[in-house]
Protein backbone atom coordinates (compact mmCIF):
# COMPACT_ATOMS: atom_id res chain seq x y z
CA MET A 1 0.00 0.00 0.00
CA GLY A 2 2.66 2.55 1.00
CA ARG A 3 0.34 5.41 2.03
CA ARG A 4 1.28 7.95 4.71
CA LEU A 5 -0.96 9.73 7.20
CA ASP A 6 0.59 12.64 9.12
CA VAL A 7 -1.31 14.17 12.03
CA TYR A 8 0.07 17.50 13.27
CA MET A 9 -0.80 18.50 16.84
CA HIS A 10 0.07 21.56 18.89
CA GLY A 11 -0.61 21.59 22.62
CA GLY A 12 -2.97 18.62 22.32
CA GLU A 13 -5.07 20.18 19.53
CA ILE A 14 -5.05 19.00 15.93
CA GLN A 15 -3.60 21.55 13.51
CA ASP A 16 -3.58 19.55 10.26
CA VAL A 17 -4.08 16.04 8.88
CA ARG A 18 -2.29 15.08 5.66
CA LEU A 19 -2.77 11.96 3.57
CA ASP A 20 0.18 11.47 1.22
CA GLY A 21 1.00 15.18 1.62
CA GLU A 22 -2.50 16.47 0.86
CA SER A 23 -4.18 18.40 3.67
CA LEU A 24 -7.57 16.91 4.55
CA TRP A 25 -8.27 19.04 7.65
CA PRO A 26 -10.96 19.55 8.78
CA SER A 27 -12.16 16.06 8.09
CA TRP A 28 -13.38 13.17 10.21
CA PHE A 29 -10.72 10.52 10.83
CA LYS A 30 -9.78 7.87 13.36
CA ILE A 31 -6.62 6.08 14.42
CA GLU A 32 -6.60 2.76 16.26
CA TRP A 33 -3.72 1.25 18.20
CA LYS A 34 -3.75 -2.54 18.15
CA GLU A 35 -2.53 -4.64 21.06
CA ASN A 36 0.28 -6.04 18.86
CA GLY A 37 1.71 -2.52 18.30
CA GLN A 38 0.27 -2.03 14.83
CA ARG A 39 -1.84 1.03 14.00
CA SER A 40 -4.68 1.52 11.55
CA ALA A 41 -6.49 4.64 10.37
CA LYS A 42 -9.47 5.68 8.32
CA ILE A 43 -9.98 9.06 6.68
CA ARG A 44 -12.40 9.97 3.87
CA GLY A 45 -13.08 6.30 3.15
CA GLU A 46 -9.37 5.49 2.84
CA ARG A 47 -8.09 2.74 5.12
CA LEU A 48 -4.45 2.57 6.18
CA SER A 49 -2.61 -0.01 8.26
CA THR A 50 0.98 -0.22 9.43
CA ASN A 51 0.51 -3.98 9.11
CA PHE A 52 0.31 -3.51 5.31
CA GLY A 53 3.23 -1.08 4.96
CA ASP A 54 1.43 2.23 5.49
CA GLU A 55 2.86 4.91 7.80
CA ILE A 56 0.78 6.62 10.47
CA VAL A 57 2.79 9.39 12.14
CA ILE A 58 1.74 11.88 14.82
CA HIS A 59 3.82 15.07 15.06
CA GLN A 60 3.50 16.93 18.37
CA THR A 61 4.74 20.29 19.59
CA GLU A 62 4.37 21.57 23.12
CA ALA A 63 1.87 24.29 23.99
CA GLY A 64 4.68 26.78 24.77
CA VAL A 65 6.31 26.33 21.35
CA SER A 66 4.87 27.87 18.19
CA PRO A 67 4.38 25.30 15.41
CA ASN A 68 6.21 27.78 13.14
CA ASP A 69 9.31 27.54 15.36
CA VAL A 70 9.66 23.76 14.89
CA PRO A 71 11.50 22.59 11.75
CA ALA A 72 9.57 20.28 9.43
CA GLY A 73 9.89 16.64 10.45
CA VAL A 74 10.61 17.49 14.10
CA GLY A 75 8.04 16.44 16.63
CA GLY A 76 6.87 13.53 18.68
CA GLY A 77 7.21 11.02 15.86
CA ALA A 78 4.97 8.00 15.83
CA ALA A 79 2.91 8.14 18.98
CA GLN A 80 2.58 5.03 21.09
CA PRO A 81 0.03 4.32 23.78
CA ALA A 82 1.30 4.70 27.35
CA ASP A 83 1.38 0.93 27.90
CA ALA A 84 3.16 0.10 24.61
CA GLY A 85 5.74 -2.59 25.13
CA ALA A 86 4.45 -3.56 28.57
CA ASP A 87 4.49 -7.28 29.26
CA SER A 88 1.07 -8.83 29.67
CA ALA A 89 2.41 -11.80 31.63
């Protein structure tokens, strides 16, 4: 598949959502974190999955930093849930 979904957040608020570089904000979308570490997303009828080679990346800047002050590609990277990697033994 090879699609890429970038979600840009600033201070916990969404600033932009881009599918393969095209801005689709404001648009309804969802991202799901699977228990095996994979992620899936749906936006405008398009389905993406890291399991099938797609990229789902969340870029975050802190509330005290202007999004204009952060170079492109710098941010939180691919977000993981708080319990990612925890053993379920």
